[in-house]
C-alpha atoms as a PDB file:
ATOM      1  CA  MET A   1      -0.004  -0.217   0.044  1.00  0.00           C
ATOM      2  CA  HIS A   2       2.853   1.998   1.136  1.00  0.00           C
ATOM      3  CA  THR A   3       4.924   1.286  -2.011  1.00  0.00           C
ATOM      4  CA  LEU A   4       2.282   2.098  -4.457  1.00  0.00           C
ATOM      5  CA  GLY A   5       1.655   5.663  -2.766  1.00  0.00           C
ATOM      6  CA  LYS A   6       4.854   6.384  -3.174  1.00  0.00           C
ATOM      7  CA  MET A   7       5.147   5.348  -7.025  1.00  0.00           C
ATOM      8  CA  SER A   8       2.017   7.545  -7.007  1.00  0.00           C
ATOM      9  CA  ALA A   9       3.848  10.670  -5.796  1.00  0.00           C
ATOM     10  CA  LEU A  10       6.916   9.766  -7.415  1.00  0.00           C
ATOM     11  CA  ARG A  11       4.688   9.890 -10.456  1.00  0.00           C
ATOM     12  CA  LEU A  12       2.823  13.117  -9.780  1.00  0.00           C
ATOM     13  CA  LEU A  13       6.652  15.174  -9.877  1.00  0.00           C
ATOM     14  CA  ILE A  14       8.135  13.228 -12.832  1.00  0.00           C
ATOM     15  CA  SER A  15       4.858  14.804 -14.265  1.00  0.00           C
ATOM     16  CA  ILE A  16       5.672  18.187 -12.950  1.00  0.00           C
ATOM     17  CA  ILE A  17       9.173  17.786 -14.470  1.00  0.00           C
ATOM     18  CA  ILE A  18       7.760  16.819 -17.470  1.00  0.00           C
ATOM     19  CA  MET A  19       5.421  19.853 -17.996  1.00  0.00           C
ATOM     20  CA  VAL A  20       8.224  21.735 -16.594  1.00  0.00           C
ATOM     21  CA  SER A  21      10.674  20.807 -19.341  1.00  0.00           C
ATOM     22  CA  ALA A  22       7.975  21.377 -21.918  1.00  0.00           C
ATOM     23  CA  SER A  23       7.320  24.753 -21.430  1.00  0.00           C
ATOM     24  CA  SER A  24      10.411  26.617 -20.276  1.00  0.00           C
ATOM     25  CA  SER A  25      11.772  27.161 -23.651  1.00  0.00           C
ATOM     26  CA  SER A  26       8.601  29.600 -24.029  1.00  0.00           C
ATOM     27  CA  CYS A  27       9.861  31.880 -20.864  1.00  0.00           C
ATOM     28  CA  MET A  28      11.504  35.439 -22.039  1.00  0.00           C
ATOM     29  CA  ASP A  29      13.948  37.236 -20.648  1.00  0.00           C
ATOM     30  CA  GLY A  30      15.810  34.554 -18.613  1.00  0.00           C
ATOM     31  CA  LYS A  31      19.148  36.350 -17.721  1.00  0.00           C
ATOM     32  CA  GLN A  32      16.829  38.905 -15.766  1.00  0.00           C
ATOM     33  CA  MET A  33      15.292  36.474 -13.591  1.00  0.00           C
ATOM     34  CA  THR A  34      18.564  34.591 -13.105  1.00  0.00           C
ATOM     35  CA  GLN A  35      20.113  38.014 -11.536  1.00  0.00           C
ATOM     36  CA  ASN A  36      17.544  38.178  -9.342  1.00  0.00           C
ATOM     37  CA  TYR A  37      17.860  34.736  -8.418  1.00  0.00           C
ATOM     38  CA  SER A  38      21.217  34.825  -7.544  1.00  0.00           C
ATOM     39  CA  LYS A  39      20.394  35.594  -4.034  1.00  0.00           C
ATOM     40  CA  ILE A  40      18.000  33.017  -3.434  1.00  0.00           C
ATOM     41  CA  SER A  41      19.691  29.588  -2.442  1.00  0.00           C
ATOM     42  CA  ALA A  42      18.875  26.715  -4.792  1.00  0.00           C
ATOM     43  CA  GLU A  43      17.974  24.437  -1.620  1.00  0.00           C
ATOM     44  CA  VAL A  44      17.731  25.522   1.752  1.00  0.00           C
ATOM     45  CA  ASN A  45      16.817  22.911   5.025  1.00  0.00           C
ATOM     46  CA  ILE A  46      15.460  24.407   8.151  1.00  0.00           C
ATOM     47  CA  SER A  47      14.868  22.814  11.548  1.00  0.00           C
ATOM     48  CA  GLN A  48      11.277  23.730  12.407  1.00  0.00           C
ATOM     49  CA  PRO A  49       9.748  23.021  15.955  1.00  0.00           C
ATOM     50  CA  VAL A  50       6.334  23.884  16.685  1.00  0.00           C
ATOM     51  CA  LEU A  51       4.421  23.151  19.951  1.00  0.00           C
ATOM     52  CA  MET A  52       1.277  20.647  19.607  1.00  0.00           C
ATOM     53  CA  ASP A  53      -2.560  22.447  19.204  1.00  0.00           C
ATOM     54  CA  THR A  54      -0.957  25.415  17.721  1.00  0.00           C
ATOM     55  CA  ASN A  55      -1.029  26.760  14.272  1.00  0.00           C
ATOM     56  CA  ALA A  56       1.711  26.114  11.601  1.00  0.00           C
ATOM     57  CA  VAL A  57       2.887  27.754   8.796  1.00  0.00           C
ATOM     58  CA  LEU A  58       5.804  26.669   6.194  1.00  0.00           C
ATOM     59  CA  CYS A  59       6.740  29.110   3.970  1.00  0.00           C
ATOM     60  CA  CYS A  60       7.566  28.894   0.132  1.00  0.00           C
ATOM     61  CA  PRO A  61      11.577  30.487  -1.433  1.00  0.00           C
ATOM     62  CA  PRO A  62      10.619  34.539  -1.803  1.00  0.00           C
ATOM     63  CA  ILE A  63      10.360  33.827  -5.551  1.00  0.00           C
ATOM     64  CA  ALA A  64       7.325  36.297  -7.415  1.00  0.00           C
ATOM     65  CA  PHE A  65       4.542  34.378  -8.358  1.00  0.00           C
ATOM     66  CA  ARG A  66       4.611  35.834 -11.760  1.00  0.00           C
ATOM     67  CA  ASN A  67       7.802  34.357 -12.298  1.00  0.00           C
ATOM     68  CA  LEU A  68       6.495  30.417 -11.318  1.00  0.00           C
ATOM     69  CA  ILE A  69       5.803  27.416 -13.580  1.00  0.00           C
ATOM     70  CA  VAL A  70       4.540  24.683 -10.893  1.00  0.00           C
ATOM     71  CA  ILE A  71       4.391  24.986  -7.054  1.00  0.00           C
ATOM     72  CA  ALA A  72       4.621  21.457  -5.556  1.00  0.00           C
ATOM     73  CA  TRP A  73       4.621  20.406  -1.322  1.00  0.00           C
ATOM     74  CA  GLU A  74       6.312  17.371  -0.852  1.00  0.00           C
ATOM     75  CA  ILE A  75       5.036  15.889   2.530  1.00  0.00           C
ATOM     76  CA  ILE A  76       6.864  12.812   4.339  1.00  0.00           C
ATOM     77  CA  ILE A  77       5.731  11.337   7.612  1.00  0.00           C
ATOM     78  CA  ARG A  78       6.950   8.630   9.243  1.00  0.00           C
ATOM     79  CA  GLY A  79       4.639   5.265   8.405  1.00  0.00           C
ATOM     80  CA  GLN A  80       2.439   6.805   5.853  1.00  0.00           C
ATOM     81  CA  PRO A  81       2.472   7.189   1.650  1.00  0.00           C
ATOM     82  CA  SER A  82       4.468  10.262   1.062  1.00  0.00           C
ATOM     83  CA  CYS A  83       1.971  13.115  -0.023  1.00  0.00           C
ATOM     84  CA  THR A  84       2.195  15.586  -2.770  1.00  0.00           C
ATOM     85  CA  LYS A  85       0.354  19.157  -3.624  1.00  0.00           C
ATOM     86  CA  ALA A  86       1.488  20.419  -6.201  1.00  0.00           C
ATOM     87  CA  TYR A  87      -0.323  23.478  -8.873  1.00  0.00           C
ATOM     88  CA  ARG A  88       0.368  24.246 -12.284  1.00  0.00           C
ATOM     89  CA  LYS A  89       0.137  28.284 -13.250  1.00  0.00           C
ATOM     90  CA  GLU A  90      -0.348  28.129 -16.520  1.00  0.00           C
ATOM     91  CA  THR A  91      -3.605  26.302 -16.169  1.00  0.00           C
ATOM     92  CA  ASN A  92      -4.490  27.307 -12.859  1.00  0.00           C
ATOM     93  CA  GLU A  93      -4.623  23.536 -12.228  1.00  0.00           C
ATOM     94  CA  THR A  94      -4.362  21.801  -8.400  1.00  0.00           C
ATOM     95  CA  LYS A  95      -3.060  18.064  -8.190  1.00  0.00           C
ATOM     96  CA  GLU A  96      -2.798  15.533  -5.045  1.00  0.00           C
ATOM     97  CA  ALA A  97      -1.342  12.183  -4.783  1.00  0.00           C
ATOM     98  CA  ASN A  98      -1.914  10.500  -1.036  1.00  0.00           C
ATOM     99  CA  CYS A  99      -2.980  13.782   0.643  1.00  0.00           C
ATOM    100  CA  THR A 100      -5.819  12.669   3.581  1.00  0.00           C
ATOM    101  CA  ASP A 101      -4.861  14.894   6.616  1.00  0.00           C
ATOM    102  CA  GLU A 102      -7.014  17.413   5.916  1.00  0.00           C
ATOM    103  CA  ARG A 103      -5.293  19.495   8.920  1.00  0.00           C
ATOM    104  CA  ILE A 104      -2.691  19.962   5.570  1.00  0.00           C
ATOM    105  CA  THR A 105      -3.553  22.816   3.488  1.00  0.00           C
ATOM    106  CA  TRP A 106      -2.688  25.599   1.682  1.00  0.00           C
ATOM    107  CA  VAL A 107      -3.165  29.052   3.855  1.00  0.00           C
ATOM    108  CA  SER A 108      -4.917  30.364   0.660  1.00  0.00           C
ATOM    109  CA  THR A 109      -5.378  28.856  -3.174  1.00  0.00           C
ATOM    110  CA  PRO A 110      -2.159  28.316  -4.534  1.00  0.00           C
ATOM    111  CA  ASP A 111      -2.188  31.061  -7.253  1.00  0.00           C
ATOM    112  CA  GLN A 112      -2.585  33.298  -3.555  1.00  0.00           C
ATOM    113  CA  ASN A 113       0.010  32.226  -1.557  1.00  0.00           C
ATOM    114  CA  SER A 114       2.294  29.160  -2.120  1.00  0.00           C
ATOM    115  CA  ASP A 115       2.689  28.582   1.884  1.00  0.00           C
ATOM    116  CA  LEU A 116       1.457  25.587   3.694  1.00  0.00           C
ATOM    117  CA  GLN A 117      -0.667  25.527   6.721  1.00  0.00           C
ATOM    118  CA  ILE A 118      -0.863  22.884   9.854  1.00  0.00           C
ATOM    119  CA  HIS A 119      -4.209  23.204  11.520  1.00  0.00           C
ATOM    120  CA  PRO A 120      -3.652  22.050  14.252  1.00  0.00           C
ATOM    121  CA  VAL A 121      -0.281  20.570  15.057  1.00  0.00           C
ATOM    122  CA  ALA A 122      -0.813  17.396  15.820  1.00  0.00           C
ATOM    123  CA  ILE A 123       1.816  14.441  17.272  1.00  0.00           C
ATOM    124  CA  THR A 124       1.536  12.782  14.476  1.00  0.00           C
ATOM    125  CA  HIS A 125       2.875  15.501  11.745  1.00  0.00           C
ATOM    126  CA  ASP A 126       6.268  15.057  12.737  1.00  0.00           C
ATOM    127  CA  GLY A 127       8.570  14.581   9.115  1.00  0.00           C
ATOM    128  CA  TYR A 128       9.850  16.482   6.389  1.00  0.00           C
ATOM    129  CA  TYR A 129       8.120  18.716   4.400  1.00  0.00           C
ATOM    130  CA  ARG A 130       9.503  20.793   1.041  1.00  0.00           C
ATOM    131  CA  CYS A 131       8.704  23.303  -0.922  1.00  0.00           C
ATOM    132  CA  ILE A 132       8.968  22.948  -4.474  1.00  0.00           C
ATOM    133  CA  MET A 133       9.246  25.987  -7.001  1.00  0.00           C
ATOM    134  CA  VAL A 134       9.598  25.237 -10.241  1.00  0.00           C
ATOM    135  CA  THR A 135      10.939  28.733 -12.527  1.00  0.00           C
ATOM    136  CA  PRO A 136      12.138  28.754 -16.187  1.00  0.00           C
ATOM    137  CA  ASP A 137      16.005  29.516 -14.180  1.00  0.00           C
ATOM    138  CA  GLY A 138      15.791  26.072 -12.265  1.00  0.00           C
ATOM    139  CA  ILE A 139      13.974  24.464  -9.221  1.00  0.00           C
ATOM    140  CA  PHE A 140      13.957  25.552  -5.858  1.00  0.00           C
ATOM    141  CA  HIS A 141      13.684  23.587  -2.564  1.00  0.00           C
ATOM    142  CA  ARG A 142      13.225  25.392   1.253  1.00  0.00           C
ATOM    143  CA  GLY A 143      12.785  22.010   3.470  1.00  0.00           C
ATOM    144  CA  TYR A 144      11.482  21.448   6.710  1.00  0.00           C
ATOM    145  CA  HIS A 145      12.639  18.885   9.028  1.00  0.00           C
ATOM    146  CA  LEU A 146       9.025  19.512  11.311  1.00  0.00           C
ATOM    147  CA  GLN A 147       9.670  18.554  15.438  1.00  0.00           C
ATOM    148  CA  VAL A 148       5.988  18.682  17.250  1.00  0.00           C
ATOM    149  CA  LEU A 149       6.412  19.767  21.015  1.00  0.00           C
ATOM    150  CA  VAL A 150       4.633  18.778  23.990  1.00  0.00           C
ATOM    151  CA  THR A 151       4.312  20.392  26.987  1.00  0.00           C
ATOM    152  CA  PRO A 152       5.130  18.128  29.826  1.00  0.00           C
ATOM    153  CA  GLU A 153       2.696  18.134  32.657  1.00  0.00           C
ATOM    154  CA  VAL A 154       4.949  18.748  36.320  1.00  0.00           C
ATOM    155  CA  THR A 155       4.377  17.474  39.690  1.00  0.00           C
ATOM    156  CA  LEU A 156       6.110  17.045  42.841  1.00  0.00           C
ATOM    157  CA  PHE A 157       5.456  15.457  46.219  1.00  0.00           C
ATOM    158  CA  GLU A 158       7.245  13.367  49.336  1.00  0.00           C
ATOM    159  CA  SER A 159       6.923   9.883  49.197  1.00  0.00           C
ATOM    160  CA  ARG A 160       8.439   9.128  52.414  1.00  0.00           C
ATOM    161  CA  ASN A 161      11.026   9.770  54.774  1.00  0.00           C
ATOM    162  CA  ARG A 162      12.730  12.848  53.511  1.00  0.00           C
ATOM    163  CA  THR A 163      12.172  11.532  49.766  1.00  0.00           C
ATOM    164  CA  ALA A 164      10.913  13.921  47.276  1.00  0.00           C
ATOM    165  CA  VAL A 165       9.446  12.548  44.074  1.00  0.00           C
ATOM    166  CA  CYS A 166       9.549  14.880  40.511  1.00  0.00           C
ATOM    167  CA  LYS A 167       7.889  14.109  37.291  1.00  0.00           C
ATOM    168  CA  ALA A 168       7.260  15.197  33.974  1.00  0.00           C
ATOM    169  CA  VAL A 169       4.979  13.349  32.300  1.00  0.00           C
ATOM    170  CA  ALA A 170       4.172  12.710  28.493  1.00  0.00           C
ATOM    171  CA  GLY A 171       6.846  15.123  27.397  1.00  0.00           C
ATOM    172  CA  LYS A 172       8.608  15.932  23.679  1.00  0.00           C
ATOM    173  CA  PRO A 173      11.305  15.736  23.896  1.00  0.00           C
ATOM    174  CA  ALA A 174      12.211  14.333  27.079  1.00  0.00           C
ATOM    175  CA  ALA A 175      12.807  17.011  29.941  1.00  0.00           C
ATOM    176  CA  GLN A 176      15.691  17.592  31.746  1.00  0.00           C
ATOM    177  CA  ILE A 177      15.120  17.538  36.040  1.00  0.00           C
ATOM    178  CA  SER A 178      17.521  19.249  38.259  1.00  0.00           C
ATOM    179  CA  TRP A 179      16.927  19.912  42.049  1.00  0.00           C
ATOM    180  CA  ILE A 180      18.365  22.591  44.431  1.00  0.00           C
ATOM    181  CA  PRO A 181      20.461  21.585  46.695  1.00  0.00           C
ATOM    182  CA  GLU A 182      21.662  18.454  45.139  1.00  0.00           C
ATOM    183  CA  GLY A 183      20.579  14.997  47.178  1.00  0.00           C
ATOM    184  CA  ASP A 184      20.965  11.245  46.729  1.00  0.00           C
ATOM    185  CA  CYS A 185      19.274  11.456  43.177  1.00  0.00           C
ATOM    186  CA  ALA A 186      17.738   8.658  40.569  1.00  0.00           C
ATOM    187  CA  THR A 187      16.256   9.586  37.809  1.00  0.00           C
ATOM    188  CA  LYS A 188      14.542   7.338  34.625  1.00  0.00           C
ATOM    189  CA  GLN A 189      12.966   7.662  31.867  1.00  0.00           C
ATOM    190  CA  GLU A 190       9.832   6.166  30.358  1.00  0.00           C
ATOM    191  CA  TYR A 191       8.858   6.036  26.657  1.00  0.00           C
ATOM    192  CA  TRP A 192       5.707   5.778  25.271  1.00  0.00           C
ATOM    193  CA  GLY A 193       4.073   4.804  21.720  1.00  0.00           C
ATOM    194  CA  ASN A 194       3.239   8.286  20.665  1.00  0.00           C
ATOM    195  CA  GLY A 195       6.809   9.428  21.248  1.00  0.00           C
ATOM    196  CA  THR A 196       6.580  11.415  24.447  1.00  0.00           C
ATOM    197  CA  VAL A 197       8.579  10.730  27.264  1.00  0.00           C
ATOM    198  CA  THR A 198       7.881  10.817  31.196  1.00  0.00           C
ATOM    199  CA  VAL A 199      10.945  11.722  33.553  1.00  0.00           C
ATOM    200  CA  LYS A 200      10.288  10.776  37.190  1.00  0.00           C
ATOM    201  CA  SER A 201      13.611  11.783  39.399  1.00  0.00           C
ATOM    202  CA  MET A 202      13.571  10.730  43.181  1.00  0.00           C
ATOM    203  CA  CYS A 203      15.992  12.660  45.638  1.00  0.00           C
ATOM    204  CA  HIS A 204      16.617  11.818  49.514  1.00  0.00           C
ATOM    205  CA  TRP A 205      18.327  14.265  51.624  1.00  0.00           C
ATOM    206  CA  GLU A 206      19.856  12.927  55.252  1.00  0.00           C
ATOM    207  CA  GLY A 207      19.889  14.982  58.134  1.00  0.00           C
ATOM    208  CA  HIS A 208      17.425  18.035  59.197  1.00  0.00           C
ATOM    209  CA  ASN A 209      19.959  20.855  57.610  1.00  0.00           C
ATOM    210  CA  VAL A 210      17.892  20.346  54.746  1.00  0.00           C
ATOM    211  CA  SER A 211      13.790  21.602  54.456  1.00  0.00           C
ATOM    212  CA  THR A 212      12.407  23.100  51.758  1.00  0.00           C
ATOM    213  CA  VAL A 213      14.050  21.889  47.993  1.00  0.00           C
ATOM    214  CA  THR A 214      12.954  22.509  44.174  1.00  0.00           C
ATOM    215  CA  CYS A 215      12.820  20.724  41.456  1.00  0.00           C
ATOM    216  CA  HIS A 216      13.472  22.443  38.234  1.00  0.00           C
ATOM    217  CA  VAL A 217      12.064  20.985  34.655  1.00  0.00           C
ATOM    218  CA  SER A 218      14.105  22.072  31.683  1.00  0.00           C
ATOM    219  CA  HIS A 219      12.354  21.851  28.219  1.00  0.00           C
ATOM    220  CA  LEU A 220      12.274  23.300  24.878  1.00  0.00           C
ATOM    221  CA  THR A 221       8.409  24.679  25.287  1.00  0.00           C
ATOM    222  CA  GLY A 222       9.907  26.340  29.058  1.00  0.00           C
ATOM    223  CA  ASN A 223      10.898  25.938  32.247  1.00  0.00           C
ATOM    224  CA  LYS A 224       9.020  24.773  35.468  1.00  0.00           C
ATOM    225  CA  SER A 225      10.175  24.882  39.147  1.00  0.00           C
ATOM    226  CA  LEU A 226       8.181  23.929  42.310  1.00  0.00           C
ATOM    227  CA  TYR A 227       9.456  23.360  45.730  1.00  0.00           C
ATOM    228  CA  ILE A 228       8.455  21.181  48.418  1.00  0.00           C
ATOM    229  CA  LYS A 229       8.831  21.150  52.362  1.00  0.00           C
ATOM    230  CA  LEU A 230      10.378  18.305  53.674  1.00  0.00           C
ATOM    231  CA  ASN A 231       8.464  16.983  56.626  1.00  0.00           C
ATOM    232  CA  SER A 232      11.043  16.433  59.881  1.00  0.00           C
ATOM    233  CA  GLY A 233      11.083  13.071  60.434  1.00  0.00           C
ATOM    234  CA  LEU A 234       7.280  12.317  59.954  1.00  0.00           C
ATOM    235  CA  ARG A 235       7.126   9.081  57.785  1.00  0.00           C
ATOM    236  CA  SER A 236       4.351   9.134  54.688  1.00  0.00           C
ATOM    237  CA  SER A 237       3.124   5.633  53.080  1.00  0.00           C
ATOM    238  CA  GLY A 238       3.493   7.445  49.479  1.00  0.00           C
ATOM    239  CA  SER A 239      -0.257   6.888  49.263  1.00  0.00           C
ATOM    240  CA  PRO A 240      -2.317  10.216  49.665  1.00  0.00           C
ATOM    241  CA  ALA A 241      -5.274   8.241  50.549  1.00  0.00           C
ATOM    242  CA  LEU A 242      -3.431   5.687  52.823  1.00  0.00           C
ATOM    243  CA  ASP A 243      -2.001   9.163  54.844  1.00  0.00           C
ATOM    244  CA  LEU A 244      -5.644  10.216  55.182  1.00  0.00           C
ATOM    245  CA  LEU A 245      -6.658   7.068  56.493  1.00  0.00           C
ATOM    246  CA  ILE A 246      -4.113   6.920  59.281  1.00  0.00           C
ATOM    247  CA  ILE A 247      -4.957  10.909  59.947  1.00  0.00           C
ATOM    248  CA  LEU A 248      -8.683   9.275  60.518  1.00  0.00           C
ATOM    249  CA  TYR A 249      -7.791   6.781  62.591  1.00  0.00           C
ATOM    250  CA  VAL A 250      -5.493   8.465  64.513  1.00  0.00           C
ATOM    251  CA  LYS A 251      -8.393  11.465  65.726  1.00  0.00           C
ATOM    252  CA  LEU A 252     -11.017   8.704  66.131  1.00  0.00           C
ATOM    253  CA  SER A 253      -8.887   7.036  68.775  1.00  0.00           C
ATOM    254  CA  LEU A 254      -8.681  10.092  69.789  1.00  0.00           C
ATOM    255  CA  PHE A 255     -12.055  11.158  69.951  1.00  0.00           C
ATOM    256  CA  VAL A 256     -12.893   7.297  71.760  1.00  0.00           C
ATOM    257  CA  VAL A 257     -10.511   7.931  74.662  1.00  0.00           C
ATOM    258  CA  ILE A 258     -11.918  11.500  75.373  1.00  0.00           C
ATOM    259  CA  LEU A 259     -15.834   9.917  75.645  1.00  0.00           C
ATOM    260  CA  VAL A 260     -14.135   6.344  77.520  1.00  0.00           C
ATOM    261  CA  MET A 261     -12.275   8.521  79.979  1.00  0.00           C
ATOM    262  CA  PRO A 262     -15.130  10.182  81.995  1.00  0.00           C
ATOM    263  CA  GLY A 263     -16.975   7.554  82.073  1.00  0.00           C
ATOM    264  CA  PHE A 264     -14.583   5.311  83.671  1.00  0.00           C
ATOM    265  CA  VAL A 265     -13.886   8.053  85.979  1.00  0.00           C
ATOM    266  CA  PHE A 266     -17.921   8.572  86.360  1.00  0.00           C
ATOM    267  CA  PHE A 267     -18.294   4.374  87.018  1.00  0.00           C
ATOM    268  CA  GLN A 268     -15.208   4.277  89.603  1.00  0.00           C
ATOM    269  CA  ARG A 269     -16.627   7.040  91.444  1.00  0.00           C
ATOM    270  CA  ILE A 270     -20.381   5.197  91.689  1.00  0.00           C
ATOM    271  CA  ASN A 271     -18.388   2.263  92.760  1.00  0.00           C
ATOM    272  CA  HIS A 272     -16.328   4.095  95.164  1.00  0.00           C
ATOM    273  CA  ILE A 273     -19.624   5.640  96.793  1.00  0.00           C
ATOM    274  CA  ARG A 274     -21.325   1.804  96.933  1.00  0.00           C
ATOM    275  CA  LEU A 275     -18.605   0.507  98.770  1.00  0.00           C
ATOM    276  CA  GLN A 276     -18.719   3.602 101.874  1.00  0.00           C
ATOM    277  CA  HIS A 277     -22.624   2.441 102.010  1.00  0.00           C
ATOM    278  CA  TRP A 278     -22.326  -0.883 102.533  1.00  0.00           C
END
C-alpha cells in the first residue's frame, strides 16, 4: 500500500518536471530572472520546532508568483505514504496524491499564497515538508524538518522519609530535571508509543539541615520550578489516600479515648460510693 502511494507521488513529481521541461523554452528574459534569483539558494533545509495544538505555517522560497511555472509541496511523515500537493500556473490546475490529512492545506488558493499550513498541529505531524518551486531558470527547494513539541505536566510530592519525587509527564522531547539543593537522586525515563517521554526523578536528603527543596524542569517549550517543604522525621506512606486513613484513625482513637475516660471515672466514683454505704 505504501509502495503504491510512493509510486503515485513519484509519478506526479515526474509529470511536474516533464511539464516544466515542455514549457520552459517559451519563457522570456531569462538573464534578468537569473539575476533576480542570484541571492536565493537552490536548496535550503530548516529545523522547525512547533508546539502541539498550534497553527504552523511553512513558507516557500521568496520567488514572485509571476515567475513561477509549478509549485509543489512534498510531505513525508513516518508510517504514511508520501503526500504531494502541486499547482500548475499555466492551467490554474491543482493536483494531490496520497494526501488524506485535512489539517494540512494551502494557506489560501495556490495562486494567491503558496505557503502550507497545519492547523492544528498534532503529534503525528513530525516529518519532512518540502516546497518545490519550478521557474524558467531552475528549481528551488525549501525543506522543513518539523519537530512537534509537547509540554510535559510537572508534579512534585514527598513520598517517604525525606524523599521527594518530581515527574515531567508525557513531554516531547524528554524533559531534564535538576534539584536545588542537590541530593541523593535517581532518574528514569518511560517512553510512550506516541513519541512522548515521562521523566521521573527521586531525591533523598539525609539529616534535617535541608528543609525546602526545589525541582527544576527544563524543556524546549519552557522551564518550570516547583518547591516543597520536607517533613522532619514524619514518615509518609507515599499514598495520599492511605495517609488520610491513618490521620482519620488517629483522630477517631483520640475521640474514643476522650469519650471513654469520663465514663470510666464516673463509674469508678459510683463504685466507691457503693462500697462506703455497704
